[in-house]
């Protein structure tokens, strides 16, 4: 949860992206999906590939597949609402 919140903060500021987040942003823009929907869809796709290759999948894997995208989207909205919109006030 904390990692998802951190990802949301740095993605929404557009300072830099890790390759995975850059890919999620590219796909979400291409298909006009929310970051949350795209993150969950891509995580689910990777989960299916992992299962098909006999990868280890537990409750934590399933939980994170569907939960991290929600946390990231929430964090992005909080950052955009409270940090980026008040940027001018913070600099004064």
C-alpha atoms as a PDB file:
ATOM      1  CA  UNK A   1       0.000   0.000   0.000  1.00  0.00           C
ATOM      2  CA  UNK A   2       2.782   2.437   0.885  1.00  0.00           C
ATOM      3  CA  UNK A   3       4.660   1.588  -2.305  1.00  0.00           C
ATOM      4  CA  UNK A   4       1.505   2.131  -4.363  1.00  0.00           C
ATOM      5  CA  UNK A   5       1.001   5.510  -2.727  1.00  0.00           C
ATOM      6  CA  UNK A   6       4.595   6.479  -3.516  1.00  0.00           C
ATOM      7  CA  UNK A   7       4.214   5.377  -7.128  1.00  0.00           C
ATOM      8  CA  UNK A   8       1.115   7.540  -7.432  1.00  0.00           C
ATOM      9  CA  UNK A   9       2.962  10.571  -6.090  1.00  0.00           C
ATOM     10  CA  UNK A  10       5.929  10.364  -8.443  1.00  0.00           C
ATOM     11  CA  UNK A  11       3.834   9.426 -11.492  1.00  0.00           C
ATOM     12  CA  UNK A  12       1.450  12.345 -10.987  1.00  0.00           C
ATOM     13  CA  UNK A  13       4.306  14.849 -10.682  1.00  0.00           C
ATOM     14  CA  UNK A  14       5.729  13.655 -14.045  1.00  0.00           C
ATOM     15  CA  UNK A  15       9.290  14.023 -12.751  1.00  0.00           C
ATOM     16  CA  UNK A  16      10.287  10.540 -13.860  1.00  0.00           C
ATOM     17  CA  UNK A  17       8.808   7.124 -14.512  1.00  0.00           C
ATOM     18  CA  UNK A  18      10.047   3.619 -13.978  1.00  0.00           C
ATOM     19  CA  UNK A  19       9.674   1.488 -17.132  1.00  0.00           C
ATOM     20  CA  UNK A  20       6.544  -0.256 -15.835  1.00  0.00           C
ATOM     21  CA  UNK A  21       4.770   2.982 -14.936  1.00  0.00           C
ATOM     22  CA  UNK A  22       5.777   4.531 -18.260  1.00  0.00           C
ATOM     23  CA  UNK A  23       4.293   1.535 -20.055  1.00  0.00           C
ATOM     24  CA  UNK A  24       1.065   1.743 -18.027  1.00  0.00           C
ATOM     25  CA  UNK A  25       0.773   5.468 -18.828  1.00  0.00           C
ATOM     26  CA  UNK A  26       1.353   4.815 -22.527  1.00  0.00           C
ATOM     27  CA  UNK A  27      -1.300   2.078 -22.653  1.00  0.00           C
ATOM     28  CA  UNK A  28      -3.789   4.132 -20.612  1.00  0.00           C
ATOM     29  CA  UNK A  29      -3.395   7.098 -22.961  1.00  0.00           C
ATOM     30  CA  UNK A  30      -3.671   4.915 -26.067  1.00  0.00           C
ATOM     31  CA  UNK A  31      -6.891   3.215 -24.915  1.00  0.00           C
ATOM     32  CA  UNK A  32      -8.230   6.224 -22.965  1.00  0.00           C
ATOM     33  CA  UNK A  33      -8.404   4.155 -19.776  1.00  0.00           C
ATOM     34  CA  UNK A  34      -7.758   5.324 -16.239  1.00  0.00           C
ATOM     35  CA  UNK A  35      -4.383   4.499 -14.727  1.00  0.00           C
ATOM     36  CA  UNK A  36      -6.185   2.214 -12.263  1.00  0.00           C
ATOM     37  CA  UNK A  37      -7.960   0.209 -14.957  1.00  0.00           C
ATOM     38  CA  UNK A  38      -4.795  -0.113 -17.028  1.00  0.00           C
ATOM     39  CA  UNK A  39      -2.626  -1.149 -14.044  1.00  0.00           C
ATOM     40  CA  UNK A  40      -5.132  -3.821 -13.009  1.00  0.00           C
ATOM     41  CA  UNK A  41      -5.540  -5.127 -16.573  1.00  0.00           C
ATOM     42  CA  UNK A  42      -1.792  -5.370 -17.163  1.00  0.00           C
ATOM     43  CA  UNK A  43      -1.172  -6.923 -13.741  1.00  0.00           C
ATOM     44  CA  UNK A  44      -3.864  -9.489 -14.483  1.00  0.00           C
ATOM     45  CA  UNK A  45      -2.267 -10.237 -17.862  1.00  0.00           C
ATOM     46  CA  UNK A  46       1.113 -10.818 -16.192  1.00  0.00           C
ATOM     47  CA  UNK A  47      -0.618 -12.991 -13.566  1.00  0.00           C
ATOM     48  CA  UNK A  48      -2.156 -15.149 -16.304  1.00  0.00           C
ATOM     49  CA  UNK A  49       1.228 -15.508 -18.003  1.00  0.00           C
ATOM     50  CA  UNK A  50       2.799 -16.442 -14.656  1.00  0.00           C
ATOM     51  CA  UNK A  51       0.148 -19.077 -13.957  1.00  0.00           C
ATOM     52  CA  UNK A  52       0.518 -20.516 -17.463  1.00  0.00           C
ATOM     53  CA  UNK A  53       4.260 -20.899 -16.820  1.00  0.00           C
ATOM     54  CA  UNK A  54       3.652 -22.617 -13.454  1.00  0.00           C
ATOM     55  CA  UNK A  55       4.759 -19.563 -11.490  1.00  0.00           C
ATOM     56  CA  UNK A  56       4.063 -19.246  -7.789  1.00  0.00           C
ATOM     57  CA  UNK A  57       0.807 -17.407  -7.122  1.00  0.00           C
ATOM     58  CA  UNK A  58      -0.490 -16.860  -3.618  1.00  0.00           C
ATOM     59  CA  UNK A  59      -3.079 -14.706  -1.885  1.00  0.00           C
ATOM     60  CA  UNK A  60      -0.670 -11.781  -1.759  1.00  0.00           C
ATOM     61  CA  UNK A  61      -0.156 -11.939  -5.506  1.00  0.00           C
ATOM     62  CA  UNK A  62      -3.889 -11.947  -6.138  1.00  0.00           C
ATOM     63  CA  UNK A  63      -4.461  -9.137  -3.653  1.00  0.00           C
ATOM     64  CA  UNK A  64      -1.768  -6.916  -5.171  1.00  0.00           C
ATOM     65  CA  UNK A  65      -2.938  -7.635  -8.719  1.00  0.00           C
ATOM     66  CA  UNK A  66      -6.271  -5.988  -8.025  1.00  0.00           C
ATOM     67  CA  UNK A  67      -5.399  -3.540  -5.227  1.00  0.00           C
ATOM     68  CA  UNK A  68      -2.248  -1.642  -6.176  1.00  0.00           C
ATOM     69  CA  UNK A  69      -3.875   0.052  -9.177  1.00  0.00           C
ATOM     70  CA  UNK A  70      -6.599   1.423  -6.909  1.00  0.00           C
ATOM     71  CA  UNK A  71      -4.035   2.783  -4.432  1.00  0.00           C
ATOM     72  CA  UNK A  72      -1.947   4.368  -7.194  1.00  0.00           C
ATOM     73  CA  UNK A  73      -4.996   6.064  -8.742  1.00  0.00           C
ATOM     74  CA  UNK A  74      -6.085   7.371  -5.333  1.00  0.00           C
ATOM     75  CA  UNK A  75      -2.595   8.653  -4.600  1.00  0.00           C
ATOM     76  CA  UNK A  76      -2.422  10.365  -7.984  1.00  0.00           C
ATOM     77  CA  UNK A  77      -5.716  12.140  -7.374  1.00  0.00           C
ATOM     78  CA  UNK A  78      -4.617  13.280  -3.895  1.00  0.00           C
ATOM     79  CA  UNK A  79      -1.296  14.556  -5.253  1.00  0.00           C
ATOM     80  CA  UNK A  80      -2.938  16.385  -8.130  1.00  0.00           C
ATOM     81  CA  UNK A  81      -5.595  17.898  -5.892  1.00  0.00           C
ATOM     82  CA  UNK A  82      -3.527  18.998  -2.911  1.00  0.00           C
ATOM     83  CA  UNK A  83       0.063  19.276  -4.100  1.00  0.00           C
ATOM     84  CA  UNK A  84       0.046  20.246  -7.750  1.00  0.00           C
ATOM     85  CA  UNK A  85      -2.897  22.683  -7.535  1.00  0.00           C
ATOM     86  CA  UNK A  86      -1.299  24.468  -4.553  1.00  0.00           C
ATOM     87  CA  UNK A  87       2.174  24.608  -6.085  1.00  0.00           C
ATOM     88  CA  UNK A  88       2.042  28.381  -6.568  1.00  0.00           C
ATOM     89  CA  UNK A  89       0.975  28.883  -2.962  1.00  0.00           C
ATOM     90  CA  UNK A  90       3.847  26.720  -1.737  1.00  0.00           C
ATOM     91  CA  UNK A  91       6.424  28.665  -3.736  1.00  0.00           C
ATOM     92  CA  UNK A  92       5.238  32.080  -2.431  1.00  0.00           C
END
